[in-house]
Amino acid sequence: MSNHPQTESEKIFEQYLNENDYSNWEFEPPISGCSKRPDYLLRWASGEYLLEVKELHQKGEFQTGARNYDPYSGMRNEIDEARKKFKENGFKNRPCSLVIFNLGDMDAMTGHPQVVFGAMLGDLGFSMKIDISMGEAVPDSEKNGFQGRAKMQPKRNTRINAVIVLQQMAVYDPCYMRDVNRKLLEAEEIKKRPLEPVEALEIQHAFINKFERRKSFVFHLVTHENPHALFPLPEGLFCGTYDERWGIVDGILKLKFRGDGRQEQLSLREKYPTIY
């Protein structure tokens, strides 16, 4: 590991690697038979994995109000860029992955696995059977699925085995969540009505000094597997305590792994939805 100019996404990805005990990696290593270099080479469990790290930025001024927008375009542009990088024959027999970090693209819904898979496998949509003789849809024939504009198909773009979204997650102290919730419920019981937002905030702020580390932040990865990949990403890679992994199983999008830490935090937020 040597000093080198870094993008924000590269710095954060390296932080993730180091914090999750992935110590055997190189930045922009030379690859035999290739004129281009991948951003990272990771050695793990006797294998070598190449990763291209990209970041999304807001393009132009963000427009508020009702409007049409494409949630896939930013991710698809980066898939195209990674495909060009891994196109050389020297990458042919190597597992290659794309890592994406969203630094402000308000249209790119990178936190939604369905949308990420839509960028990979085709626009989200649904189909149904039509009874031509009756001129109407066949009851119960609706089927969700991926439609056109796919970037990854059985014989196209099979070298990229996954789109991996790098995210930041707030981690809350369970004791803080429990104690604040108790105070909120007590206040509602006294007032005999739901609390106004400003009232709830005042109660939460009262606990700031008591729980100095009530909230911290971690970076984690959400892996979206390419079902058409020549060399799939190993099941155990990038499966840390706050990581997730999604894949297509029997034609259906399914959660394949969720770390214990992430599950605990999601459960806390479901149990205490009013607490920040």
Protein backbone atom coordinates (compact mmCIF):
# COMPACT_ATOMS: atom_id res chain seq x y z
CA MET A 1 0.00 0.00 0.00
CA SER A 2 1.63 3.22 -1.15
CA ASN A 3 0.72 6.86 -0.97
CA HIS A 4 -1.30 8.04 -3.96
CA PRO A 5 -3.82 10.69 -4.97
CA GLN A 6 -7.25 9.52 -3.88
CA THR A 7 -10.86 10.33 -4.59
CA GLU A 8 -13.24 10.55 -1.65
CA SER A 9 -14.71 7.17 -2.55
CA GLU A 10 -11.26 5.55 -2.62
CA LYS A 11 -10.37 6.92 0.81
CA ILE A 12 -13.61 5.60 2.29
CA PHE A 13 -13.31 2.23 0.57
CA GLU A 14 -9.82 1.80 1.98
CA GLN A 15 -11.17 2.73 5.41
CA TYR A 16 -13.79 -0.01 5.05
CA LEU A 17 -11.15 -2.55 3.99
CA ASN A 18 -8.86 -1.75 6.92
CA GLU A 19 -11.65 -1.67 9.51
CA ASN A 20 -12.94 -5.07 8.33
CA ASP A 21 -9.52 -6.78 8.36
CA TYR A 22 -8.99 -6.90 4.60
CA SER A 23 -5.32 -6.03 4.86
CA ASN A 24 -3.90 -7.64 1.72
CA TRP A 25 -4.78 -5.18 -1.03
CA GLU A 26 -3.02 -3.03 -3.61
CA PHE A 27 -3.95 0.24 -5.27
CA GLU A 28 -3.79 0.32 -9.08
CA PRO A 29 -1.64 -2.81 -9.45
CA PRO A 30 -0.27 -3.75 -12.89
CA ILE A 31 -2.14 -6.66 -14.47
CA SER A 32 -0.34 -8.94 -16.90
CA GLY A 33 -1.57 -8.41 -20.44
CA CYS A 34 -3.47 -5.20 -19.61
CA SER A 35 -2.62 -1.59 -20.36
CA LYS A 36 -5.18 -0.38 -17.80
CA ARG A 37 -5.01 -0.90 -14.07
CA PRO A 38 -7.95 -1.65 -11.77
CA ASP A 39 -8.37 0.63 -8.78
CA TYR A 40 -7.82 -2.23 -6.33
CA LEU A 41 -6.63 -5.81 -6.17
CA LEU A 42 -7.78 -7.63 -3.04
CA ARG A 43 -6.27 -10.95 -1.99
CA TRP A 44 -8.67 -12.97 0.15
CA ALA A 45 -8.97 -16.70 0.92
CA SER A 46 -6.37 -17.70 -1.69
CA GLY A 47 -8.14 -15.72 -4.41
CA GLU A 48 -7.53 -12.37 -6.12
CA TYR A 49 -10.38 -9.93 -6.77
CA LEU A 50 -10.29 -6.77 -8.86
CA LEU A 51 -12.41 -3.78 -7.91
CA GLU A 52 -13.15 -0.53 -9.70
CA VAL A 53 -14.33 2.24 -7.36
CA LYS A 54 -16.58 4.97 -8.75
CA GLU A 55 -18.52 7.84 -7.20
CA LEU A 56 -21.74 9.60 -8.14
CA HIS A 57 -22.17 13.37 -8.03
CA GLN A 58 -25.14 15.63 -8.60
CA LYS A 59 -25.24 16.77 -12.22
CA GLY A 60 -26.36 20.38 -12.40
CA GLU A 61 -28.77 22.08 -10.01
CA PHE A 62 -31.22 19.74 -8.33
CA GLN A 63 -34.77 20.49 -9.41
CA THR A 64 -37.48 20.23 -6.77
CA GLY A 65 -41.18 19.66 -7.35
CA ALA A 66 -42.91 17.26 -9.71
CA ARG A 67 -40.63 16.11 -12.50
CA ASN A 68 -39.48 13.11 -14.49
CA TYR A 69 -36.11 11.61 -13.61
CA ASP A 70 -34.12 8.47 -14.30
CA PRO A 71 -32.90 6.72 -11.11
CA TYR A 72 -30.74 4.36 -13.15
CA SER A 73 -28.68 6.65 -15.39
CA GLY A 74 -25.90 7.50 -12.92
CA MET A 75 -25.29 3.87 -12.00
CA ARG A 76 -25.51 2.74 -15.62
CA ASN A 77 -22.87 5.28 -16.64
CA GLU A 78 -20.51 3.84 -14.04
CA ILE A 79 -21.29 0.28 -15.13
CA ASP A 80 -20.32 1.32 -18.67
CA GLU A 81 -17.08 2.88 -17.43
CA ALA A 82 -16.18 -0.24 -15.46
CA ARG A 83 -17.03 -2.44 -18.45
CA LYS A 84 -14.57 -0.44 -20.59
CA LYS A 85 -11.88 -0.81 -17.92
CA PHE A 86 -12.33 -4.60 -17.68
CA LYS A 87 -12.70 -5.14 -21.43
CA GLU A 88 -9.06 -6.11 -22.08
CA ASN A 89 -8.27 -9.82 -22.45
CA GLY A 90 -6.02 -9.76 -19.38
CA PHE A 91 -9.12 -9.33 -17.22
CA LYS A 92 -10.99 -12.17 -18.93
CA ASN A 93 -10.33 -14.88 -16.35
CA ARG A 94 -10.41 -12.70 -13.27
CA PRO A 95 -13.33 -11.85 -10.95
CA CYS A 96 -14.10 -8.12 -11.36
CA SER A 97 -16.47 -5.98 -9.29
CA LEU A 98 -17.75 -2.41 -9.38
CA VAL A 99 -17.98 -0.37 -6.16
CA ILE A 100 -20.21 2.74 -6.22
CA PHE A 101 -20.34 5.51 -3.60
CA ASN A 102 -23.03 8.17 -3.90
CA LEU A 103 -21.65 11.61 -3.02
CA GLY A 104 -24.72 13.64 -3.82
CA ASP A 105 -26.62 12.34 -6.86
CA MET A 106 -30.15 12.91 -5.59
CA ASP A 107 -31.69 10.91 -8.44
CA ALA A 108 -29.62 7.75 -7.96
CA MET A 109 -31.48 5.57 -5.46
CA THR A 110 -28.43 3.54 -4.48
CA GLY A 111 -29.96 2.61 -1.12
CA HIS A 112 -32.70 0.56 -2.78
CA PRO A 113 -31.60 -2.91 -4.00
CA GLN A 114 -34.53 -3.09 -6.44
CA VAL A 115 -33.31 0.07 -8.19
CA VAL A 116 -29.67 -1.07 -8.26
CA PHE A 117 -30.76 -4.34 -9.86
CA GLY A 118 -32.90 -2.30 -12.23
CA ALA A 119 -29.76 -0.46 -13.35
CA MET A 120 -28.08 -3.83 -13.85
CA LEU A 121 -30.81 -6.06 -15.29
CA GLY A 122 -33.36 -3.65 -16.78
CA ASP A 123 -35.94 -1.07 -15.73
CA LEU A 124 -38.28 -2.18 -12.97
CA GLY A 125 -41.75 -2.92 -14.30
CA PHE A 126 -44.43 -5.53 -14.61
CA SER A 127 -45.99 -7.58 -17.35
CA MET A 128 -49.35 -9.28 -17.74
CA LYS A 129 -51.13 -11.58 -20.12
CA ILE A 130 -53.80 -10.10 -22.38
CA ASP A 131 -56.88 -11.98 -23.48
CA ILE A 132 -57.08 -10.73 -27.08
CA SER A 133 -60.58 -12.07 -27.62
CA MET A 134 -61.89 -10.16 -24.60
CA GLY A 135 -59.54 -7.19 -24.91
CA GLU A 136 -58.59 -7.26 -21.26
CA ALA A 137 -55.89 -8.47 -18.90
CA VAL A 138 -55.99 -12.05 -17.68
CA PRO A 139 -56.79 -11.96 -13.93
CA ASP A 140 -53.83 -12.65 -11.61
CA SER A 141 -51.35 -12.74 -14.50
CA GLU A 142 -49.40 -9.67 -13.37
CA LYS A 143 -45.71 -10.33 -12.84
CA ASN A 144 -43.02 -7.98 -11.58
CA GLY A 145 -39.70 -8.07 -13.37
CA PHE A 146 -36.90 -6.27 -15.15
CA GLN A 147 -37.77 -4.85 -18.54
CA GLY A 148 -35.59 -3.09 -21.14
CA ARG A 149 -32.25 -1.21 -21.07
CA ALA A 150 -30.40 -3.98 -19.20
CA LYS A 151 -26.65 -3.50 -18.76
CA MET A 152 -25.99 -7.10 -17.70
CA GLN A 153 -27.31 -10.02 -19.75
CA PRO A 154 -26.33 -13.69 -20.20
CA LYS A 155 -23.92 -12.88 -23.03
CA ARG A 156 -23.22 -9.23 -22.26
CA ASN A 157 -21.18 -7.64 -19.48
CA THR A 158 -20.56 -10.93 -17.68
CA ARG A 159 -17.14 -9.92 -16.32
CA ILE A 160 -18.54 -7.58 -13.66
CA ASN A 161 -19.77 -10.01 -11.02
CA ALA A 162 -21.42 -7.48 -8.71
CA VAL A 163 -22.35 -3.87 -8.19
CA ILE A 164 -21.32 -3.11 -4.61
CA VAL A 165 -22.76 0.03 -3.02
CA LEU A 166 -20.59 1.69 -0.39
CA GLN A 167 -22.79 3.38 2.23
CA GLN A 168 -22.57 5.22 5.52
CA MET A 169 -24.80 4.04 8.35
CA ALA A 170 -25.65 5.66 11.67
CA VAL A 171 -25.22 3.26 14.60
CA TYR A 172 -27.27 4.09 17.68
CA ASP A 173 -26.66 3.06 21.29
CA PRO A 174 -29.51 0.64 22.22
CA CYS A 175 -29.59 2.05 25.79
CA TYR A 176 -30.05 5.55 24.39
CA MET A 177 -32.89 4.38 22.16
CA ARG A 178 -34.62 2.56 25.03
CA ASP A 179 -34.31 5.41 27.57
CA VAL A 180 -35.37 8.14 25.18
CA ASN A 181 -38.35 6.09 24.03
CA ARG A 182 -39.41 5.60 27.63
CA LYS A 183 -39.27 9.36 28.23
CA LEU A 184 -41.25 10.06 25.05
CA LEU A 185 -43.98 7.63 26.07
CA GLU A 186 -44.13 9.11 29.59
CA ALA A 187 -44.48 12.62 28.15
CA GLU A 188 -47.28 11.53 25.82
CA GLU A 189 -49.08 9.86 28.72
CA ILE A 190 -48.87 13.07 30.78
CA LYS A 191 -50.03 15.28 27.89
CA LYS A 192 -52.58 12.67 26.74
CA ARG A 193 -51.68 13.33 23.10
CA PRO A 194 -48.89 12.64 20.63
CA LEU A 195 -45.89 14.93 21.05
CA GLU A 196 -45.19 17.71 18.61
CA PRO A 197 -41.85 17.29 16.76
CA VAL A 198 -40.22 20.13 18.73
CA GLU A 199 -41.31 18.55 22.02
CA ALA A 200 -39.82 15.19 21.04
CA LEU A 201 -36.57 16.89 20.00
CA GLU A 202 -36.29 18.64 23.37
CA ILE A 203 -36.57 15.31 25.19
CA GLN A 204 -33.99 13.70 22.91
CA HIS A 205 -31.56 16.59 23.36
CA ALA A 206 -31.77 16.16 27.13
CA PHE A 207 -29.99 12.80 26.71
CA ILE A 208 -27.09 14.10 24.64
CA ASN A 209 -24.76 14.65 27.60
CA LYS A 210 -25.77 11.38 29.24
CA PHE A 211 -24.96 9.39 26.10
CA GLU A 212 -21.95 11.09 24.55
CA ARG A 213 -21.63 8.30 22.00
CA ARG A 214 -25.33 7.79 21.44
CA LYS A 215 -24.62 7.70 17.70
CA SER A 216 -21.60 6.83 15.59
CA PHE A 217 -21.14 6.14 11.90
CA VAL A 218 -19.78 3.14 10.03
CA PHE A 219 -19.18 2.47 6.37
CA HIS A 220 -20.54 -0.78 5.01
CA LEU A 221 -21.13 -2.56 1.72
CA VAL A 222 -24.32 -3.77 0.06
CA THR A 223 -23.47 -6.33 -2.62
CA HIS A 224 -25.78 -6.84 -5.62
CA GLU A 225 -24.81 -10.01 -7.46
CA ASN A 226 -24.80 -10.21 -11.24
CA PRO A 227 -26.65 -13.50 -11.95
CA HIS A 228 -24.88 -13.74 -15.33
CA ALA A 229 -21.32 -13.37 -14.01
CA LEU A 230 -18.61 -15.67 -15.33
CA PHE A 231 -16.81 -15.59 -11.97
CA PRO A 232 -19.28 -14.87 -9.13
CA LEU A 233 -18.11 -13.10 -6.01
CA PRO A 234 -17.50 -15.66 -3.21
CA GLU A 235 -20.32 -15.96 -0.70
CA GLY A 236 -18.17 -15.03 2.30
CA LEU A 237 -16.56 -11.92 0.85
CA PHE A 238 -17.82 -8.54 2.11
CA CYS A 239 -20.07 -10.10 4.74
CA GLY A 240 -19.19 -7.93 7.74
CA THR A 241 -21.37 -7.11 10.72
CA TYR A 242 -23.05 -4.17 8.91
CA ASP A 243 -22.96 -5.54 5.36
CA GLU A 244 -25.75 -6.90 3.17
CA ARG A 245 -25.86 -9.13 0.12
CA TRP A 246 -28.67 -9.45 -2.43
CA GLY A 247 -29.07 -11.85 -5.32
CA ILE A 248 -31.51 -13.36 -7.78
CA VAL A 249 -32.67 -16.77 -6.49
CA ASP A 250 -35.02 -18.78 -8.70
CA GLY A 251 -35.82 -15.62 -10.61
CA ILE A 252 -36.72 -13.64 -7.48
CA LEU A 253 -34.74 -10.84 -5.82
CA LYS A 254 -33.83 -12.00 -2.31
CA LEU A 255 -31.77 -10.88 0.66
CA LYS A 256 -29.00 -13.50 0.99
CA PHE A 257 -27.07 -12.06 3.93
CA ARG A 258 -27.44 -9.34 6.53
CA GLY A 259 -24.85 -8.75 9.25
CA ASP A 260 -25.92 -8.94 12.89
CA GLY A 261 -25.05 -5.29 13.53
CA ARG A 262 -27.13 -4.05 10.64
CA GLN A 263 -30.06 -6.26 11.64
CA GLU A 264 -29.92 -4.91 15.20
CA GLN A 265 -29.94 -1.31 14.01
CA LEU A 266 -32.84 -1.88 11.60
CA SER A 267 -34.79 -3.55 14.40
CA LEU A 268 -34.10 -0.61 16.74
CA ARG A 269 -35.34 1.89 14.15
CA GLU A 270 -38.47 -0.16 13.59
CA LYS A 271 -39.10 -0.33 17.34
CA TYR A 272 -38.29 3.35 17.98
CA PRO A 273 -39.23 5.14 14.72
CA THR A 274 -39.44 8.64 16.22
CA ILE A 275 -35.89 8.70 17.58
CA TYR A 276 -33.04 10.10 15.48
